[in-house]
Amino acid sequence: MDKAKVEIIAKLSIPRCVKDIRSFLGHAGFYYRFIRDFNKIARPLTNLLAKDVPFIFDAKCSSAWEKLKLELISAPIISPPDWSKPFEIMCDASDFAIGAVLGQRKDNKQHVIYYLSRTLNDVQVNYTTTEKEFLAVMFALENSAHTYLGPKP
């Protein structure tokens, strides 16, 4: 895991508005399939996103916030590759960043092998959605080849 990214997540301050919650859940939501009971954990936070609900960050919200942060930075979320099983690459693109997860299915459950992400430069921000998604695929293939191609003989 990238130490710098882990530190950024670990040092996130408590959200002060709906925009902060939405941003955090948007990033964390990309990894929801790798966090057991993600929706149950995040429920107090997602409740704050409802229309006409006052923003009150109570103890339940604080607990959910800390639990999700812990899940995102905990090493057990990463698994070593099993060279006998096929790899899957899941990609995503937003208006300002691209990300990918290299994973494998083990016992019919998705397991993460490697995370990748980066922000888009000034030119790439203007790409169409399709171009951004394709850029994410190319980024994932180029930067995780050392993992899915396996050890050299």
C-alpha atoms as a PDB file:
ATOM      1  CA  MET A   1       0.000   0.000   0.000  1.00  0.00           C
ATOM      2  CA  ASP A   2       1.184   3.508  -0.775  1.00  0.00           C
ATOM      3  CA  LYS A   3       2.276   4.991   2.570  1.00  0.00           C
ATOM      4  CA  ALA A   4       1.547   8.557   1.464  1.00  0.00           C
ATOM      5  CA  LYS A   5      -2.054   7.709   0.507  1.00  0.00           C
ATOM      6  CA  VAL A   6      -2.573   5.765   3.732  1.00  0.00           C
ATOM      7  CA  GLU A   7      -1.364   8.775   5.734  1.00  0.00           C
ATOM      8  CA  ILE A   8      -3.705  11.112   3.840  1.00  0.00           C
ATOM      9  CA  ILE A   9      -6.724   8.933   4.645  1.00  0.00           C
ATOM     10  CA  ALA A  10      -5.633   8.409   8.255  1.00  0.00           C
ATOM     11  CA  LYS A  11      -5.278  12.179   8.799  1.00  0.00           C
ATOM     12  CA  LEU A  12      -8.617  13.165   7.249  1.00  0.00           C
ATOM     13  CA  SER A  13     -10.412  15.547   9.555  1.00  0.00           C
ATOM     14  CA  ILE A  14     -14.036  15.113  10.517  1.00  0.00           C
ATOM     15  CA  PRO A  15     -16.333  16.408   7.760  1.00  0.00           C
ATOM     16  CA  ARG A  16     -17.922  19.803   8.318  1.00  0.00           C
ATOM     17  CA  CYS A  17     -20.564  19.758   5.594  1.00  0.00           C
ATOM     18  CA  VAL A  18     -22.518  17.556   3.195  1.00  0.00           C
ATOM     19  CA  LYS A  19     -19.947  18.215   0.460  1.00  0.00           C
ATOM     20  CA  ASP A  20     -17.204  16.668   2.638  1.00  0.00           C
ATOM     21  CA  ILE A  21     -19.336  13.571   3.283  1.00  0.00           C
ATOM     22  CA  ARG A  22     -20.214  13.227  -0.395  1.00  0.00           C
ATOM     23  CA  SER A  23     -16.551  13.517  -1.407  1.00  0.00           C
ATOM     24  CA  PHE A  24     -15.387  10.934   1.127  1.00  0.00           C
ATOM     25  CA  LEU A  25     -18.138   8.446   0.264  1.00  0.00           C
ATOM     26  CA  GLY A  26     -17.402   8.941  -3.426  1.00  0.00           C
ATOM     27  CA  HIS A  27     -13.795   7.904  -2.911  1.00  0.00           C
ATOM     28  CA  ALA A  28     -14.535   5.163  -0.384  1.00  0.00           C
ATOM     29  CA  GLY A  29     -17.453   3.889  -2.462  1.00  0.00           C
ATOM     30  CA  PHE A  30     -15.092   2.772  -5.210  1.00  0.00           C
ATOM     31  CA  TYR A  31     -13.818   0.112  -2.774  1.00  0.00           C
ATOM     32  CA  TYR A  32     -17.182  -0.837  -1.263  1.00  0.00           C
ATOM     33  CA  ARG A  33     -17.078  -4.375  -2.651  1.00  0.00           C
ATOM     34  CA  PHE A  34     -13.881  -5.037  -0.709  1.00  0.00           C
ATOM     35  CA  ILE A  35     -15.176  -3.792   2.649  1.00  0.00           C
ATOM     36  CA  ARG A  36     -17.509  -6.164   4.410  1.00  0.00           C
ATOM     37  CA  ASP A  37     -20.864  -4.517   5.278  1.00  0.00           C
ATOM     38  CA  PHE A  38     -19.808  -1.234   3.663  1.00  0.00           C
ATOM     39  CA  ASN A  39     -23.408  -0.036   3.274  1.00  0.00           C
ATOM     40  CA  LYS A  40     -24.275  -0.824   6.895  1.00  0.00           C
ATOM     41  CA  ILE A  41     -21.172   0.959   8.154  1.00  0.00           C
ATOM     42  CA  ALA A  42     -21.751   4.000   5.921  1.00  0.00           C
ATOM     43  CA  ARG A  43     -25.502   4.335   6.623  1.00  0.00           C
ATOM     44  CA  PRO A  44     -25.189   7.122   9.240  1.00  0.00           C
ATOM     45  CA  LEU A  45     -23.083   9.107   6.771  1.00  0.00           C
ATOM     46  CA  THR A  46     -25.368   8.493   3.802  1.00  0.00           C
ATOM     47  CA  ASN A  47     -28.357   9.568   5.903  1.00  0.00           C
ATOM     48  CA  LEU A  48     -26.764  13.023   6.104  1.00  0.00           C
ATOM     49  CA  LEU A  49     -26.983  13.271   2.294  1.00  0.00           C
ATOM     50  CA  ALA A  50     -30.781  13.138   2.253  1.00  0.00           C
ATOM     51  CA  LYS A  51     -32.609  16.274   1.178  1.00  0.00           C
ATOM     52  CA  ASP A  52     -33.811  18.614   3.953  1.00  0.00           C
ATOM     53  CA  VAL A  53     -31.884  16.743   6.667  1.00  0.00           C
ATOM     54  CA  PRO A  54     -29.905  18.962   9.032  1.00  0.00           C
ATOM     55  CA  PHE A  55     -26.162  18.265   9.116  1.00  0.00           C
ATOM     56  CA  ILE A  56     -25.612  16.836  12.597  1.00  0.00           C
ATOM     57  CA  PHE A  57     -22.417  14.784  12.807  1.00  0.00           C
ATOM     58  CA  ASP A  58     -23.262  12.727  15.890  1.00  0.00           C
ATOM     59  CA  ALA A  59     -21.539   9.774  17.590  1.00  0.00           C
ATOM     60  CA  LYS A  60     -22.951   7.256  15.079  1.00  0.00           C
ATOM     61  CA  CYS A  61     -21.565   9.313  12.194  1.00  0.00           C
ATOM     62  CA  SER A  62     -18.217   9.662  13.930  1.00  0.00           C
ATOM     63  CA  SER A  63     -18.044   5.910  14.514  1.00  0.00           C
ATOM     64  CA  ALA A  64     -18.904   5.183  10.865  1.00  0.00           C
ATOM     65  CA  TRP A  65     -16.316   7.740   9.700  1.00  0.00           C
ATOM     66  CA  GLU A  66     -13.533   6.193  11.780  1.00  0.00           C
ATOM     67  CA  LYS A  67     -14.516   2.609  10.859  1.00  0.00           C
ATOM     68  CA  LEU A  68     -14.468   3.360   7.113  1.00  0.00           C
ATOM     69  CA  LYS A  69     -11.148   5.184   7.384  1.00  0.00           C
ATOM     70  CA  LEU A  70      -9.693   2.191   9.244  1.00  0.00           C
ATOM     71  CA  GLU A  71     -11.024  -0.236   6.642  1.00  0.00           C
ATOM     72  CA  LEU A  72      -9.509   1.814   3.815  1.00  0.00           C
ATOM     73  CA  ILE A  73      -6.031   1.852   5.342  1.00  0.00           C
ATOM     74  CA  SER A  74      -5.918  -1.662   6.786  1.00  0.00           C
ATOM     75  CA  ALA A  75      -3.561  -4.103   5.103  1.00  0.00           C
ATOM     76  CA  PRO A  76      -5.906  -7.132   5.150  1.00  0.00           C
ATOM     77  CA  ILE A  77      -7.866  -5.511   2.338  1.00  0.00           C
ATOM     78  CA  ILE A  78      -4.905  -6.390   0.061  1.00  0.00           C
ATOM     79  CA  SER A  79      -4.323 -10.048  -0.874  1.00  0.00           C
ATOM     80  CA  PRO A  80      -1.309 -11.656  -2.503  1.00  0.00           C
ATOM     81  CA  PRO A  81      -1.871 -12.828  -6.097  1.00  0.00           C
ATOM     82  CA  ASP A  82      -2.776 -16.426  -6.843  1.00  0.00           C
ATOM     83  CA  TRP A  83      -1.047 -17.182 -10.145  1.00  0.00           C
ATOM     84  CA  SER A  84      -3.448 -20.053 -10.884  1.00  0.00           C
ATOM     85  CA  LYS A  85      -6.490 -17.745 -11.037  1.00  0.00           C
ATOM     86  CA  PRO A  86      -7.377 -15.082 -13.621  1.00  0.00           C
ATOM     87  CA  PHE A  87      -6.991 -11.404 -12.776  1.00  0.00           C
ATOM     88  CA  GLU A  88      -9.693  -8.726 -13.118  1.00  0.00           C
ATOM     89  CA  ILE A  89      -9.126  -5.024 -13.597  1.00  0.00           C
ATOM     90  CA  MET A  90     -11.837  -2.608 -12.455  1.00  0.00           C
ATOM     91  CA  CYS A  91     -11.451   1.005 -13.573  1.00  0.00           C
ATOM     92  CA  ASP A  92     -13.195   4.269 -12.841  1.00  0.00           C
ATOM     93  CA  ALA A  93     -12.830   7.866 -13.963  1.00  0.00           C
ATOM     94  CA  SER A  94     -14.165  11.099 -12.524  1.00  0.00           C
ATOM     95  CA  ASP A  95     -13.907  14.709 -13.644  1.00  0.00           C
ATOM     96  CA  PHE A  96     -10.478  15.058 -12.023  1.00  0.00           C
ATOM     97  CA  ALA A  97      -8.997  11.583 -11.369  1.00  0.00           C
ATOM     98  CA  ILE A  98      -8.755   7.994 -12.560  1.00  0.00           C
ATOM     99  CA  GLY A  99      -8.441   4.857 -10.506  1.00  0.00           C
ATOM    100  CA  ALA A 100      -8.216   1.118 -10.867  1.00  0.00           C
ATOM    101  CA  VAL A 101      -8.174  -2.014  -8.786  1.00  0.00           C
ATOM    102  CA  LEU A 102      -6.449  -5.226  -9.815  1.00  0.00           C
ATOM    103  CA  GLY A 103      -8.240  -8.130  -8.198  1.00  0.00           C
ATOM    104  CA  GLN A 104      -9.058 -11.821  -8.285  1.00  0.00           C
ATOM    105  CA  ARG A 105     -12.042 -13.933  -7.355  1.00  0.00           C
ATOM    106  CA  LYS A 106     -11.345 -16.437  -4.595  1.00  0.00           C
ATOM    107  CA  ASP A 107     -14.186 -18.510  -3.193  1.00  0.00           C
ATOM    108  CA  ASN A 108     -16.538 -16.424  -5.361  1.00  0.00           C
ATOM    109  CA  LYS A 109     -15.484 -13.230  -3.498  1.00  0.00           C
ATOM    110  CA  GLN A 110     -13.519 -10.351  -4.975  1.00  0.00           C
ATOM    111  CA  HIS A 111     -10.073  -9.779  -3.416  1.00  0.00           C
ATOM    112  CA  VAL A 112      -7.857  -6.750  -4.049  1.00  0.00           C
ATOM    113  CA  ILE A 113      -4.313  -7.313  -5.244  1.00  0.00           C
ATOM    114  CA  TYR A 114      -3.299  -3.765  -6.138  1.00  0.00           C
ATOM    115  CA  TYR A 115      -4.758  -0.219  -6.071  1.00  0.00           C
ATOM    116  CA  LEU A 116      -3.894   2.534  -8.545  1.00  0.00           C
ATOM    117  CA  SER A 117      -5.019   6.135  -8.830  1.00  0.00           C
ATOM    118  CA  ARG A 118      -3.860   9.504 -10.052  1.00  0.00           C
ATOM    119  CA  THR A 119      -5.229  12.927 -10.861  1.00  0.00           C
ATOM    120  CA  LEU A 120      -5.763  14.088 -14.412  1.00  0.00           C
ATOM    121  CA  ASN A 121      -3.578  16.791 -15.928  1.00  0.00           C
ATOM    122  CA  ASP A 122      -4.984  20.010 -17.437  1.00  0.00           C
ATOM    123  CA  VAL A 123      -5.463  18.462 -20.884  1.00  0.00           C
ATOM    124  CA  GLN A 124      -6.983  15.172 -19.640  1.00  0.00           C
ATOM    125  CA  VAL A 125      -9.596  17.023 -17.548  1.00  0.00           C
ATOM    126  CA  ASN A 126     -11.157  18.099 -20.865  1.00  0.00           C
ATOM    127  CA  TYR A 127     -11.441  14.528 -22.222  1.00  0.00           C
ATOM    128  CA  THR A 128     -14.900  13.075 -22.799  1.00  0.00           C
ATOM    129  CA  THR A 129     -16.202  10.536 -20.302  1.00  0.00           C
ATOM    130  CA  THR A 130     -15.395   7.697 -22.701  1.00  0.00           C
ATOM    131  CA  GLU A 131     -11.842   8.950 -23.178  1.00  0.00           C
ATOM    132  CA  LYS A 132     -11.339   9.244 -19.412  1.00  0.00           C
ATOM    133  CA  GLU A 133     -12.607   5.699 -18.874  1.00  0.00           C
ATOM    134  CA  PHE A 134     -10.285   4.381 -21.582  1.00  0.00           C
ATOM    135  CA  LEU A 135      -7.405   6.361 -20.059  1.00  0.00           C
ATOM    136  CA  ALA A 136      -8.150   4.604 -16.755  1.00  0.00           C
ATOM    137  CA  VAL A 137      -7.988   1.194 -18.486  1.00  0.00           C
ATOM    138  CA  MET A 138      -4.665   2.026 -20.145  1.00  0.00           C
ATOM    139  CA  PHE A 139      -3.288   3.424 -16.877  1.00  0.00           C
ATOM    140  CA  ALA A 140      -4.285   0.219 -15.070  1.00  0.00           C
ATOM    141  CA  LEU A 141      -2.783  -2.073 -17.691  1.00  0.00           C
ATOM    142  CA  GLU A 142       0.490  -0.144 -17.872  1.00  0.00           C
ATOM    143  CA  ASN A 143       0.987   0.226 -14.132  1.00  0.00           C
ATOM    144  CA  SER A 144      -0.061  -3.207 -12.902  1.00  0.00           C
ATOM    145  CA  ALA A 145       1.558  -5.386 -15.585  1.00  0.00           C
ATOM    146  CA  HIS A 146       4.326  -6.342 -13.168  1.00  0.00           C
ATOM    147  CA  THR A 147       1.647  -7.953 -10.995  1.00  0.00           C
ATOM    148  CA  TYR A 148      -0.644  -9.726 -13.446  1.00  0.00           C
ATOM    149  CA  LEU A 149       2.130 -10.926 -15.770  1.00  0.00           C
ATOM    150  CA  GLY A 150       3.683 -12.768 -12.865  1.00  0.00           C
ATOM    151  CA  PRO A 151       7.257 -13.419 -11.821  1.00  0.00           C
ATOM    152  CA  LYS A 152       9.831 -13.725 -14.565  1.00  0.00           C
ATOM    153  CA  PRO A 153      11.150 -17.269 -15.118  1.00  0.00           C
END
